[in-house]
Amino acid sequence: MPAGSHLINVGRGGTIVDDDLLALLDTGHIASATLDVFEIEPLAAEHRYWHHARVIVTPHLAGPTPREPAAQQIAAAIAALERGAEVTQLADMSIGGEVIDSSGPGLSARYAFNCLPKRA
């Protein structure tokens, strides 16, 4: 892939060589990766993808996600994070992104907010 490329994998697990992708991300050759599937699922809690600044892990759901409620939930979470307010549907990165608070409506899948800007 050309330098600065962004990789999106929503296909099948096993099409990406994890060590190679991580090396390319670490050097900046690949600008970012959005990954929905993995060679071994569920993705292990200690896997580097969960904490890598250039990786977004998305929920690999077996069913449809209603777009309107999902979009509203994501927008509300981003707005709350930007205000410094409490957010529901938090993903605990220490256990591989498992949802630890599913009090809000909508999504209840494994996901991470690591795509948002890091707070100092």
PDB file of N, CA and C in Angstrom:
ATOM      1  N   MET A   1       0.836  -1.185   0.000  1.00  0.00           N
ATOM      2  CA  MET A   1       0.000   0.000   0.000  1.00  0.00           C
ATOM      3  C   MET A   1       0.880   1.246   0.000  1.00  0.00           C
ATOM      4  N   PRO A   2       0.429   2.297  -0.656  1.00  0.00           N
ATOM      5  CA  PRO A   2       1.207   3.532  -0.672  1.00  0.00           C
ATOM      6  C   PRO A   2       1.331   4.142   0.724  1.00  0.00           C
ATOM      7  N   ALA A   3       2.422   4.855   0.953  1.00  0.00           N
ATOM      8  CA  ALA A   3       2.618   5.537   2.232  1.00  0.00           C
ATOM      9  C   ALA A   3       1.455   6.478   2.500  1.00  0.00           C
ATOM     10  N   GLY A   4       0.990   6.487   3.759  1.00  0.00           N
ATOM     11  CA  GLY A   4      -0.117   7.351   4.145  1.00  0.00           C
ATOM     12  C   GLY A   4      -1.484   6.740   3.923  1.00  0.00           C
ATOM     13  N   SER A   5      -1.534   5.492   3.460  1.00  0.00           N
ATOM     14  CA  SER A   5      -2.818   4.828   3.209  1.00  0.00           C
ATOM     15  C   SER A   5      -3.565   4.559   4.503  1.00  0.00           C
ATOM     16  N   HIS A   6      -4.869   4.436   4.369  1.00  0.00           N
ATOM     17  CA  HIS A   6      -5.746   4.061   5.475  1.00  0.00           C
ATOM     18  C   HIS A   6      -6.362   2.710   5.114  1.00  0.00           C
ATOM     19  N   LEU A   7      -6.216   1.747   5.996  1.00  0.00           N
ATOM     20  CA  LEU A   7      -6.690   0.393   5.746  1.00  0.00           C
ATOM     21  C   LEU A   7      -8.018   0.165   6.461  1.00  0.00           C
ATOM     22  N   ILE A   8      -8.988  -0.388   5.747  1.00  0.00           N
ATOM     23  CA  ILE A   8     -10.269  -0.776   6.338  1.00  0.00           C
ATOM     24  C   ILE A   8     -10.476  -2.242   6.013  1.00  0.00           C
ATOM     25  N   ASN A   9     -10.679  -3.068   7.052  1.00  0.00           N
ATOM     26  CA  ASN A   9     -10.949  -4.494   6.837  1.00  0.00           C
ATOM     27  C   ASN A   9     -12.257  -4.865   7.516  1.00  0.00           C
ATOM     28  N   VAL A  10     -13.272  -5.091   6.698  1.00  0.00           N
ATOM     29  CA  VAL A  10     -14.562  -5.565   7.191  1.00  0.00           C
ATOM     30  C   VAL A  10     -14.904  -6.908   6.549  1.00  0.00           C
ATOM     31  N   GLY A  11     -13.893  -7.518   5.929  1.00  0.00           N
ATOM     32  CA  GLY A  11     -14.084  -8.772   5.205  1.00  0.00           C
ATOM     33  C   GLY A  11     -14.029  -9.977   6.104  1.00  0.00           C
ATOM     34  N   ARG A  12     -13.024 -10.769   5.934  1.00  0.00           N
ATOM     35  CA  ARG A  12     -12.826 -11.978   6.723  1.00  0.00           C
ATOM     36  C   ARG A  12     -11.559 -11.847   7.550  1.00  0.00           C
ATOM     37  N   GLY A  13     -11.575 -12.471   8.728  1.00  0.00           N
ATOM     38  CA  GLY A  13     -10.364 -12.529   9.523  1.00  0.00           C
ATOM     39  C   GLY A  13      -9.331 -13.365   8.789  1.00  0.00           C
ATOM     40  N   GLY A  14      -8.074 -13.158   9.088  1.00  0.00           N
ATOM     41  CA  GLY A  14      -7.022 -13.939   8.457  1.00  0.00           C
ATOM     42  C   GLY A  14      -6.495 -13.349   7.167  1.00  0.00           C
ATOM     43  N   THR A  15      -7.073 -12.247   6.692  1.00  0.00           N
ATOM     44  CA  THR A  15      -6.553 -11.619   5.481  1.00  0.00           C
ATOM     45  C   THR A  15      -5.470 -10.603   5.812  1.00  0.00           C
ATOM     46  N   ILE A  16      -5.330 -10.261   7.082  1.00  0.00           N
ATOM     47  CA  ILE A  16      -4.321  -9.311   7.538  1.00  0.00           C
ATOM     48  C   ILE A  16      -3.290 -10.066   8.376  1.00  0.00           C
ATOM     49  N   VAL A  17      -2.022  -9.796   8.123  1.00  0.00           N
ATOM     50  CA  VAL A  17      -0.951 -10.344   8.959  1.00  0.00           C
ATOM     51  C   VAL A  17      -0.710  -9.309  10.058  1.00  0.00           C
ATOM     52  N   ASP A  18      -1.163  -9.620  11.266  1.00  0.00           N
ATOM     53  CA  ASP A  18      -1.141  -8.658  12.364  1.00  0.00           C
ATOM     54  C   ASP A  18       0.227  -8.029  12.585  1.00  0.00           C
ATOM     55  N   ASP A  19       1.267  -8.830  12.679  1.00  0.00           N
ATOM     56  CA  ASP A  19       2.602  -8.290  12.947  1.00  0.00           C
ATOM     57  C   ASP A  19       3.049  -7.333  11.849  1.00  0.00           C
ATOM     58  N   ASP A  20       2.747  -7.657  10.598  1.00  0.00           N
ATOM     59  CA  ASP A  20       3.129  -6.783   9.489  1.00  0.00           C
ATOM     60  C   ASP A  20       2.362  -5.463   9.552  1.00  0.00           C
ATOM     61  N   LEU A  21       1.044  -5.537   9.796  1.00  0.00           N
ATOM     62  CA  LEU A  21       0.250  -4.315   9.879  1.00  0.00           C
ATOM     63  C   LEU A  21       0.721  -3.440  11.039  1.00  0.00           C
ATOM     64  N   LEU A  22       0.962  -4.042  12.190  1.00  0.00           N
ATOM     65  CA  LEU A  22       1.430  -3.267  13.340  1.00  0.00           C
ATOM     66  C   LEU A  22       2.767  -2.589  13.055  1.00  0.00           C
ATOM     67  N   ALA A  23       3.658  -3.277  12.373  1.00  0.00           N
ATOM     68  CA  ALA A  23       4.952  -2.683  12.022  1.00  0.00           C
ATOM     69  C   ALA A  23       4.749  -1.484  11.093  1.00  0.00           C
ATOM     70  N   LEU A  24       3.873  -1.607  10.112  1.00  0.00           N
ATOM     71  CA  LEU A  24       3.617  -0.509   9.179  1.00  0.00           C
ATOM     72  C   LEU A  24       2.927   0.668   9.872  1.00  0.00           C
ATOM     73  N   LEU A  25       2.052   0.374  10.818  1.00  0.00           N
ATOM     74  CA  LEU A  25       1.412   1.430  11.600  1.00  0.00           C
ATOM     75  C   LEU A  25       2.426   2.130  12.492  1.00  0.00           C
ATOM     76  N   ASP A  26       3.297   1.355  13.123  1.00  0.00           N
ATOM     77  CA  ASP A  26       4.307   1.920  14.026  1.00  0.00           C
ATOM     78  C   ASP A  26       5.266   2.865  13.304  1.00  0.00           C
ATOM     79  N   THR A  27       5.594   2.548  12.059  1.00  0.00           N
ATOM     80  CA  THR A  27       6.499   3.407  11.297  1.00  0.00           C
ATOM     81  C   THR A  27       5.771   4.571  10.628  1.00  0.00           C
ATOM     82  N   GLY A  28       4.441   4.519  10.605  1.00  0.00           N
ATOM     83  CA  GLY A  28       3.660   5.561   9.958  1.00  0.00           C
ATOM     84  C   GLY A  28       3.428   5.325   8.486  1.00  0.00           C
ATOM     85  N   HIS A  29       3.961   4.227   7.929  1.00  0.00           N
ATOM     86  CA  HIS A  29       3.724   3.947   6.515  1.00  0.00           C
ATOM     87  C   HIS A  29       2.230   3.818   6.248  1.00  0.00           C
ATOM     88  N   ILE A  30       1.536   3.082   7.115  1.00  0.00           N
ATOM     89  CA  ILE A  30       0.076   3.028   7.061  1.00  0.00           C
ATOM     90  C   ILE A  30      -0.415   4.047   8.088  1.00  0.00           C
ATOM     91  N   ALA A  31      -1.232   5.011   7.637  1.00  0.00           N
ATOM     92  CA  ALA A  31      -1.659   6.101   8.511  1.00  0.00           C
ATOM     93  C   ALA A  31      -2.622   5.629   9.594  1.00  0.00           C
ATOM     94  N   SER A  32      -3.520   4.709   9.238  1.00  0.00           N
ATOM     95  CA  SER A  32      -4.474   4.204  10.215  1.00  0.00           C
ATOM     96  C   SER A  32      -5.097   2.922   9.694  1.00  0.00           C
ATOM     97  N   ALA A  33      -5.720   2.202  10.620  1.00  0.00           N
ATOM     98  CA  ALA A  33      -6.435   0.978  10.246  1.00  0.00           C
ATOM     99  C   ALA A  33      -7.741   0.929  11.017  1.00  0.00           C
ATOM    100  N   THR A  34      -8.813   0.615  10.312  1.00  0.00           N
ATOM    101  CA  THR A  34     -10.112   0.369  10.922  1.00  0.00           C
ATOM    102  C   THR A  34     -10.400  -1.106  10.698  1.00  0.00           C
ATOM    103  N   LEU A  35     -10.515  -1.834  11.804  1.00  0.00           N
ATOM    104  CA  LEU A  35     -10.603  -3.294  11.723  1.00  0.00           C
ATOM    105  C   LEU A  35     -11.886  -3.795  12.371  1.00  0.00           C
ATOM    106  N   ASP A  36     -12.596  -4.630  11.642  1.00  0.00           N
ATOM    107  CA  ASP A  36     -13.857  -5.185  12.109  1.00  0.00           C
ATOM    108  C   ASP A  36     -13.767  -6.690  12.327  1.00  0.00           C
ATOM    109  N   VAL A  37     -12.782  -7.319  11.727  1.00  0.00           N
ATOM    110  CA  VAL A  37     -12.621  -8.769  11.813  1.00  0.00           C
ATOM    111  C   VAL A  37     -11.159  -9.097  12.092  1.00  0.00           C
ATOM    112  N   PHE A  38     -10.955 -10.274  12.690  1.00  0.00           N
ATOM    113  CA  PHE A  38      -9.611 -10.658  13.104  1.00  0.00           C
ATOM    114  C   PHE A  38      -9.420 -12.144  12.869  1.00  0.00           C
ATOM    115  N   GLU A  39      -8.169 -12.550  12.762  1.00  0.00           N
ATOM    116  CA  GLU A  39      -7.868 -13.962  12.543  1.00  0.00           C
ATOM    117  C   GLU A  39      -8.434 -14.815  13.669  1.00  0.00           C
ATOM    118  N   ILE A  40      -8.270 -14.354  14.902  1.00  0.00           N
ATOM    119  CA  ILE A  40      -8.824 -15.057  16.053  1.00  0.00           C
ATOM    120  C   ILE A  40      -9.822 -14.129  16.733  1.00  0.00           C
ATOM    121  N   GLU A  41     -11.065 -14.585  16.819  1.00  0.00           N
ATOM    122  CA  GLU A  41     -12.116 -13.799  17.471  1.00  0.00           C
ATOM    123  C   GLU A  41     -12.690 -14.599  18.623  1.00  0.00           C
ATOM    124  N   PRO A  42     -13.036 -13.926  19.708  1.00  0.00           N
ATOM    125  CA  PRO A  42     -12.895 -12.488  19.894  1.00  0.00           C
ATOM    126  C   PRO A  42     -11.435 -12.081  20.029  1.00  0.00           C
ATOM    127  N   LEU A  43     -11.174 -10.833  19.713  1.00  0.00           N
ATOM    128  CA  LEU A  43      -9.816 -10.295  19.809  1.00  0.00           C
ATOM    129  C   LEU A  43      -9.384 -10.330  21.266  1.00  0.00           C
ATOM    130  N   ALA A  44      -8.217 -10.879  21.516  1.00  0.00           N
ATOM    131  CA  ALA A  44      -7.713 -11.037  22.885  1.00  0.00           C
ATOM    132  C   ALA A  44      -7.594  -9.685  23.586  1.00  0.00           C
ATOM    133  N   ALA A  45      -7.891  -9.674  24.865  1.00  0.00           N
ATOM    134  CA  ALA A  45      -7.857  -8.438  25.656  1.00  0.00           C
ATOM    135  C   ALA A  45      -6.487  -7.778  25.634  1.00  0.00           C
ATOM    136  N   GLU A  46      -5.438  -8.562  25.512  1.00  0.00           N
ATOM    137  CA  GLU A  46      -4.085  -7.990  25.531  1.00  0.00           C
ATOM    138  C   GLU A  46      -3.570  -7.622  24.134  1.00  0.00           C
ATOM    139  N   HIS A  47      -4.365  -7.801  23.114  1.00  0.00           N
ATOM    140  CA  HIS A  47      -3.909  -7.515  21.749  1.00  0.00           C
ATOM    141  C   HIS A  47      -3.589  -6.036  21.591  1.00  0.00           C
ATOM    142  N   ARG A  48      -2.526  -5.744  20.873  1.00  0.00           N
ATOM    143  CA  ARG A  48      -2.074  -4.351  20.682  1.00  0.00           C
ATOM    144  C   ARG A  48      -3.091  -3.492  19.939  1.00  0.00           C
ATOM    145  N   TYR A  49      -3.942  -4.083  19.129  1.00  0.00           N
ATOM    146  CA  TYR A  49      -4.922  -3.272  18.391  1.00  0.00           C
ATOM    147  C   TYR A  49      -5.781  -2.432  19.340  1.00  0.00           C
ATOM    148  N   TRP A  50      -6.139  -2.978  20.498  1.00  0.00           N
ATOM    149  CA  TRP A  50      -7.022  -2.259  21.417  1.00  0.00           C
ATOM    150  C   TRP A  50      -6.431  -0.928  21.876  1.00  0.00           C
ATOM    151  N   HIS A  51      -5.133  -0.835  21.958  1.00  0.00           N
ATOM    152  CA  HIS A  51      -4.499   0.358  22.516  1.00  0.00           C
ATOM    153  C   HIS A  51      -3.669   1.149  21.515  1.00  0.00           C
ATOM    154  N   HIS A  52      -3.639   0.722  20.275  1.00  0.00           N
ATOM    155  CA  HIS A  52      -2.812   1.392  19.275  1.00  0.00           C
ATOM    156  C   HIS A  52      -3.482   2.696  18.841  1.00  0.00           C
ATOM    157  N   ALA A  53      -2.731   3.769  18.864  1.00  0.00           N
ATOM    158  CA  ALA A  53      -3.272   5.093  18.541  1.00  0.00           C
ATOM    159  C   ALA A  53      -3.767   5.209  17.106  1.00  0.00           C
ATOM    160  N   ARG A  54      -3.290   4.355  16.221  1.00  0.00           N
ATOM    161  CA  ARG A  54      -3.676   4.450  14.803  1.00  0.00           C
ATOM    162  C   ARG A  54      -4.701   3.383  14.396  1.00  0.00           C
ATOM    163  N   VAL A  55      -5.267   2.685  15.373  1.00  0.00           N
ATOM    164  CA  VAL A  55      -6.214   1.604  15.075  1.00  0.00           C
ATOM    165  C   VAL A  55      -7.577   1.910  15.678  1.00  0.00           C
ATOM    166  N   ILE A  56      -8.606   1.700  14.875  1.00  0.00           N
ATOM    167  CA  ILE A  56      -9.988   1.760  15.348  1.00  0.00           C
ATOM    168  C   ILE A  56     -10.542   0.342  15.245  1.00  0.00           C
ATOM    169  N   VAL A  57     -11.046  -0.164  16.357  1.00  0.00           N
ATOM    170  CA  VAL A  57     -11.682  -1.479  16.385  1.00  0.00           C
ATOM    171  C   VAL A  57     -13.184  -1.244  16.384  1.00  0.00           C
ATOM    172  N   THR A  58     -13.868  -1.825  15.412  1.00  0.00           N
ATOM    173  CA  THR A  58     -15.318  -1.651  15.316  1.00  0.00           C
ATOM    174  C   THR A  58     -16.021  -2.942  15.717  1.00  0.00           C
ATOM    175  N   PRO A  59     -17.317  -2.848  16.061  1.00  0.00           N
ATOM    176  CA  PRO A  59     -18.042  -4.043  16.494  1.00  0.00           C
ATOM    177  C   PRO A  59     -18.325  -4.960  15.318  1.00  0.00           C
ATOM    178  N   HIS A  60     -18.000  -6.202  15.471  1.00  0.00           N
ATOM    179  CA  HIS A  60     -18.313  -7.203  14.449  1.00  0.00           C
ATOM    180  C   HIS A  60     -19.621  -7.855  14.883  1.00  0.00           C
ATOM    181  N   LEU A  61     -20.709  -7.302  14.402  1.00  0.00           N
ATOM    182  CA  LEU A  61     -22.039  -7.737  14.823  1.00  0.00           C
ATOM    183  C   LEU A  61     -22.596  -8.780  13.870  1.00  0.00           C
ATOM    184  N   ALA A  62     -23.374  -9.685  14.422  1.00  0.00           N
ATOM    185  CA  ALA A  62     -23.992 -10.722  13.609  1.00  0.00           C
ATOM    186  C   ALA A  62     -25.345 -10.290  13.071  1.00  0.00           C
ATOM    187  N   GLY A  63     -25.804  -9.125  13.433  1.00  0.00           N
ATOM    188  CA  GLY A  63     -27.111  -8.655  12.980  1.00  0.00           C
ATOM    189  C   GLY A  63     -27.047  -7.192  12.592  1.00  0.00           C
ATOM    190  N   PRO A  64     -28.124  -6.691  12.044  1.00  0.00           N
ATOM    191  CA  PRO A  64     -28.143  -5.293  11.611  1.00  0.00           C
ATOM    192  C   PRO A  64     -28.167  -4.335  12.798  1.00  0.00           C
ATOM    193  N   THR A  65     -27.572  -3.190  12.604  1.00  0.00           N
ATOM    194  CA  THR A  65     -27.606  -2.120  13.592  1.00  0.00           C
ATOM    195  C   THR A  65     -28.552  -1.049  13.065  1.00  0.00           C
ATOM    196  N   PRO A  66     -29.581  -0.704  13.825  1.00  0.00           N
ATOM    197  CA  PRO A  66     -30.474   0.375  13.371  1.00  0.00           C
ATOM    198  C   PRO A  66     -29.691   1.678  13.254  1.00  0.00           C
ATOM    199  N   ARG A  67     -29.631   2.235  12.071  1.00  0.00           N
ATOM    200  CA  ARG A  67     -28.757   3.380  11.807  1.00  0.00           C
ATOM    201  C   ARG A  67     -29.090   4.609  12.634  1.00  0.00           C
ATOM    202  N   GLU A  68     -30.355   4.987  12.681  1.00  0.00           N
ATOM    203  CA  GLU A  68     -30.711   6.226  13.375  1.00  0.00           C
ATOM    204  C   GLU A  68     -30.378   6.180  14.863  1.00  0.00           C
ATOM    205  N   PRO A  69     -30.810   5.147  15.607  1.00  0.00           N
ATOM    206  CA  PRO A  69     -30.434   5.114  17.027  1.00  0.00           C
ATOM    207  C   PRO A  69     -28.924   4.992  17.242  1.00  0.00           C
ATOM    208  N   ALA A  70     -28.255   4.238  16.381  1.00  0.00           N
ATOM    209  CA  ALA A  70     -26.808   4.087  16.526  1.00  0.00           C
ATOM    210  C   ALA A  70     -26.107   5.424  16.289  1.00  0.00           C
ATOM    211  N   ALA A  71     -26.498   6.144  15.259  1.00  0.00           N
ATOM    212  CA  ALA A  71     -25.895   7.442  14.961  1.00  0.00           C
ATOM    213  C   ALA A  71     -26.149   8.424  16.097  1.00  0.00           C
ATOM    214  N   GLN A  72     -27.367   8.421  16.648  1.00  0.00           N
ATOM    215  CA  GLN A  72     -27.681   9.312  17.767  1.00  0.00           C
ATOM    216  C   GLN A  72     -26.836   8.964  18.990  1.00  0.00           C
ATOM    217  N   GLN A  73     -26.678   7.667  19.256  1.00  0.00           N
ATOM    218  CA  GLN A  73     -25.903   7.227  20.411  1.00  0.00           C
ATOM    219  C   GLN A  73     -24.428   7.620  20.266  1.00  0.00           C
ATOM    220  N   ILE A  74     -23.869   7.417  19.096  1.00  0.00           N
ATOM    221  CA  ILE A  74     -22.465   7.762  18.854  1.00  0.00           C
ATOM    222  C   ILE A  74     -22.271   9.274  18.967  1.00  0.00           C
ATOM    223  N   ALA A  75     -23.166  10.053  18.349  1.00  0.00           N
ATOM    224  CA  ALA A  75     -23.061  11.513  18.410  1.00  0.00           C
ATOM    225  C   ALA A  75     -23.171  12.003  19.853  1.00  0.00           C
ATOM    226  N   ALA A  76     -24.083  11.418  20.617  1.00  0.00           N
ATOM    227  CA  ALA A  76     -24.240  11.818  22.024  1.00  0.00           C
ATOM    228  C   ALA A  76     -22.999  11.476  22.835  1.00  0.00           C
ATOM    229  N   ALA A  77     -22.400  10.329  22.566  1.00  0.00           N
ATOM    230  CA  ALA A  77     -21.199   9.929  23.301  1.00  0.00           C
ATOM    231  C   ALA A  77     -20.035  10.854  22.980  1.00  0.00           C
ATOM    232  N   ILE A  78     -19.867  11.192  21.720  1.00  0.00           N
ATOM    233  CA  ILE A  78     -18.788  12.094  21.319  1.00  0.00           C
ATOM    234  C   ILE A  78     -18.995  13.471  21.956  1.00  0.00           C
ATOM    235  N   ALA A  79     -20.235  13.977  21.907  1.00  0.00           N
ATOM    236  CA  ALA A  79     -20.526  15.285  22.506  1.00  0.00           C
ATOM    237  C   ALA A  79     -20.254  15.268  24.009  1.00  0.00           C
ATOM    238  N   ALA A  80     -20.651  14.192  24.678  1.00  0.00           N
ATOM    239  CA  ALA A  80     -20.413  14.080  26.121  1.00  0.00           C
ATOM    240  C   ALA A  80     -18.917  14.044  26.426  1.00  0.00           C
ATOM    241  N   LEU A  81     -18.163  13.284  25.640  1.00  0.00           N
ATOM    242  CA  LEU A  81     -16.717  13.222  25.844  1.00  0.00           C
ATOM    243  C   LEU A  81     -16.078  14.591  25.649  1.00  0.00           C
ATOM    244  N   GLU A  82     -16.527  15.309  24.644  1.00  0.00           N
ATOM    245  CA  GLU A  82     -15.973  16.644  24.389  1.00  0.00           C
ATOM    246  C   GLU A  82     -16.295  17.623  25.513  1.00  0.00           C
ATOM    247  N   ARG A  83     -17.456  17.433  26.181  1.00  0.00           N
ATOM    248  CA  ARG A  83     -17.829  18.293  27.312  1.00  0.00           C
ATOM    249  C   ARG A  83     -17.191  17.823  28.612  1.00  0.00           C
ATOM    250  N   GLY A  84     -16.590  16.634  28.596  1.00  0.00           N
ATOM    251  CA  GLY A  84     -16.038  16.064  29.813  1.00  0.00           C
ATOM    252  C   GLY A  84     -17.098  15.426  30.688  1.00  0.00           C
ATOM    253  N   ALA A  85     -18.269  15.150  30.127  1.00  0.00           N
ATOM    254  CA  ALA A  85     -19.385  14.566  30.873  1.00  0.00           C
ATOM    255  C   ALA A  85     -19.294  13.040  30.885  1.00  0.00           C
ATOM    256  N   GLU A  86     -20.109  12.427  31.722  1.00  0.00           N
ATOM    257  CA  GLU A  86     -20.150  10.969  31.821  1.00  0.00           C
ATOM    258  C   GLU A  86     -20.731  10.373  30.541  1.00  0.00           C
ATOM    259  N   VAL A  87     -20.209   9.233  30.159  1.00  0.00           N
ATOM    260  CA  VAL A  87     -20.654   8.547  28.949  1.00  0.00           C
ATOM    261  C   VAL A  87     -21.112   7.141  29.314  1.00  0.00           C
ATOM    262  N   THR A  88     -22.253   6.723  28.773  1.00  0.00           N
ATOM    263  CA  THR A  88     -22.683   5.343  28.956  1.00  0.00           C
ATOM    264  C   THR A  88     -22.082   4.500  27.836  1.00  0.00           C
ATOM    265  N   GLN A  89     -22.255   3.210  27.912  1.00  0.00           N
ATOM    266  CA  GLN A  89     -21.731   2.277  26.903  1.00  0.00           C
ATOM    267  C   GLN A  89     -20.221   2.343  26.835  1.00  0.00           C
ATOM    268  N   LEU A  90     -19.554   2.450  27.982  1.00  0.00           N
ATOM    269  CA  LEU A  90     -18.101   2.506  28.004  1.00  0.00           C
ATOM    270  C   LEU A  90     -17.498   1.142  27.711  1.00  0.00           C
ATOM    271  N   ALA A  91     -16.396   1.162  27.004  1.00  0.00           N
ATOM    272  CA  ALA A  91     -15.661  -0.063  26.719  1.00  0.00           C
ATOM    273  C   ALA A  91     -14.450  -0.111  27.634  1.00  0.00           C
ATOM    274  N   ASP A  92     -14.280  -1.204  28.340  1.00  0.00           N
ATOM    275  CA  ASP A  92     -13.145  -1.372  29.236  1.00  0.00           C
ATOM    276  C   ASP A  92     -12.002  -1.987  28.444  1.00  0.00           C
ATOM    277  N   MET A  93     -11.005  -1.161  28.100  1.00  0.00           N
ATOM    278  CA  MET A  93      -9.912  -1.621  27.255  1.00  0.00           C
ATOM    279  C   MET A  93      -9.055  -2.667  27.947  1.00  0.00           C
ATOM    280  N   SER A  94      -9.079  -2.711  29.287  1.00  0.00           N
ATOM    281  CA  SER A  94      -8.255  -3.685  29.997  1.00  0.00           C
ATOM    282  C   SER A  94      -8.796  -5.098  29.847  1.00  0.00           C
ATOM    283  N   ILE A  95     -10.040  -5.225  29.410  1.00  0.00           N
ATOM    284  CA  ILE A  95     -10.616  -6.559  29.190  1.00  0.00           C
ATOM    285  C   ILE A  95     -11.015  -6.739  27.728  1.00  0.00           C
ATOM    286  N   GLY A  96     -10.318  -6.059  26.847  1.00  0.00           N
ATOM    287  CA  GLY A  96     -10.529  -6.257  25.418  1.00  0.00           C
ATOM    288  C   GLY A  96     -11.688  -5.495  24.834  1.00  0.00           C
ATOM    289  N   GLY A  97     -12.115  -4.427  25.494  1.00  0.00           N
ATOM    290  CA  GLY A  97     -13.167  -3.599  24.930  1.00  0.00           C
ATOM    291  C   GLY A  97     -14.569  -4.052  25.253  1.00  0.00           C
ATOM    292  N   GLU A  98     -14.726  -4.948  26.207  1.00  0.00           N
ATOM    293  CA  GLU A  98     -16.071  -5.378  26.576  1.00  0.00           C
ATOM    294  C   GLU A  98     -16.840  -4.201  27.156  1.00  0.00           C
ATOM    295  N   VAL A  99     -18.109  -4.092  26.786  1.00  0.00           N
ATOM    296  CA  VAL A  99     -18.949  -3.023  27.297  1.00  0.00           C
ATOM    297  C   VAL A  99     -19.178  -3.247  28.783  1.00  0.00           C
ATOM    298  N   ILE A 100     -18.917  -2.218  29.588  1.00  0.00           N
ATOM    299  CA  ILE A 100     -19.084  -2.362  31.034  1.00  0.00           C
ATOM    300  C   ILE A 100     -20.294  -1.596  31.544  1.00  0.00           C
ATOM    301  N   ASP A 101     -20.913  -0.788  30.694  1.00  0.00           N
ATOM    302  CA  ASP A 101     -22.108  -0.065  31.095  1.00  0.00           C
ATOM    303  C   ASP A 101     -23.048  -0.020  29.909  1.00  0.00           C
ATOM    304  N   SER A 102     -24.054  -0.859  29.922  1.00  0.00           N
ATOM    305  CA  SER A 102     -24.978  -0.889  28.791  1.00  0.00           C
ATOM    306  C   SER A 102     -26.320  -0.305  29.190  1.00  0.00           C
ATOM    307  N   SER A 103     -26.306   0.748  30.028  1.00  0.00           N
ATOM    308  CA  SER A 103     -27.551   1.343  30.499  1.00  0.00           C
ATOM    309  C   SER A 103     -28.261   2.140  29.414  1.00  0.00           C
ATOM    310  N   GLY A 104     -27.533   2.550  28.384  1.00  0.00           N
ATOM    311  CA  GLY A 104     -28.160   3.322  27.317  1.00  0.00           C
ATOM    312  C   GLY A 104     -28.805   2.421  26.283  1.00  0.00           C
ATOM    313  N   PRO A 105     -29.683   2.975  25.460  1.00  0.00           N
ATOM    314  CA  PRO A 105     -30.345   2.177  24.418  1.00  0.00           C
ATOM    315  C   PRO A 105     -29.407   1.910  23.255  1.00  0.00           C
ATOM    316  N   GLY A 106     -29.729   0.923  22.458  1.00  0.00           N
ATOM    317  CA  GLY A 106     -29.002   0.717  21.207  1.00  0.00           C
ATOM    318  C   GLY A 106     -27.947  -0.351  21.277  1.00  0.00           C
ATOM    319  N   LEU A 107     -26.736  -0.002  20.910  1.00  0.00           N
ATOM    320  CA  LEU A 107     -25.663  -0.962  20.730  1.00  0.00           C
ATOM    321  C   LEU A 107     -25.234  -1.611  22.030  1.00  0.00           C
ATOM    322  N   SER A 108     -24.975  -2.899  21.981  1.00  0.00           N
ATOM    323  CA  SER A 108     -24.400  -3.593  23.130  1.00  0.00           C
ATOM    324  C   SER A 108     -23.367  -4.577  22.613  1.00  0.00           C
ATOM    325  N   ALA A 109     -22.420  -4.056  21.866  1.00  0.00           N
ATOM    326  CA  ALA A 109     -21.396  -4.886  21.227  1.00  0.00           C
ATOM    327  C   ALA A 109     -20.023  -4.505  21.761  1.00  0.00           C
ATOM    328  N   ARG A 110     -18.999  -5.261  21.343  1.00  0.00           N
ATOM    329  CA  ARG A 110     -17.619  -4.917  21.699  1.00  0.00           C
ATOM    330  C   ARG A 110     -17.192  -3.779  20.791  1.00  0.00           C
ATOM    331  N   TYR A 111     -16.787  -2.687  21.398  1.00  0.00           N
ATOM    332  CA  TYR A 111     -16.297  -1.577  20.598  1.00  0.00           C
ATOM    333  C   TYR A 111     -15.413  -0.693  21.458  1.00  0.00           C
ATOM    334  N   ALA A 112     -14.722   0.223  20.832  1.00  0.00           N
ATOM    335  CA  ALA A 112     -13.817   1.095  21.571  1.00  0.00           C
ATOM    336  C   ALA A 112     -13.947   2.512  21.056  1.00  0.00           C
ATOM    337  N   PHE A 113     -13.704   3.475  21.925  1.00  0.00           N
ATOM    338  CA  PHE A 113     -13.699   4.873  21.527  1.00  0.00           C
ATOM    339  C   PHE A 113     -12.270   5.340  21.259  1.00  0.00           C
ATOM    340  N   ASN A 114     -11.378   4.407  20.891  1.00  0.00           N
ATOM    341  CA  ASN A 114      -9.998   4.821  20.676  1.00  0.00           C
ATOM    342  C   ASN A 114      -9.819   5.651  19.416  1.00  0.00           C
ATOM    343  N   CYS A 115     -10.888   5.883  18.677  1.00  0.00           N
ATOM    344  CA  CYS A 115     -10.794   6.736  17.494  1.00  0.00           C
ATOM    345  C   CYS A 115     -10.941   8.206  17.864  1.00  0.00           C
ATOM    346  N   LEU A 116     -11.322   8.493  19.108  1.00  0.00           N
ATOM    347  CA  LEU A 116     -11.491   9.870  19.534  1.00  0.00           C
ATOM    348  C   LEU A 116     -10.164  10.443  20.009  1.00  0.00           C
ATOM    349  N   PRO A 117     -10.031  11.761  19.979  1.00  0.00           N
ATOM    350  CA  PRO A 117      -8.772  12.363  20.442  1.00  0.00           C
ATOM    351  C   PRO A 117      -8.500  11.985  21.892  1.00  0.00           C
ATOM    352  N   LYS A 118      -7.254  11.725  22.191  1.00  0.00           N
ATOM    353  CA  LYS A 118      -6.863  11.372  23.553  1.00  0.00           C
ATOM    354  C   LYS A 118      -6.881  12.631  24.418  1.00  0.00           C
ATOM    355  N   ARG A 119      -7.369  12.495  25.636  1.00  0.00           N
ATOM    356  CA  ARG A 119      -7.401  13.605  26.599  1.00  0.00           C
ATOM    357  C   ARG A 119      -6.087  13.640  27.374  1.00  0.00           C
ATOM    358  N   ALA A 120      -5.585  14.825  27.638  1.00  0.00           N
ATOM    359  CA  ALA A 120      -4.345  14.960  28.406  1.00  0.00           C
ATOM    360  C   ALA A 120      -4.606  14.710  29.876  1.00  0.00           C
TER     361      ALA A 120
END
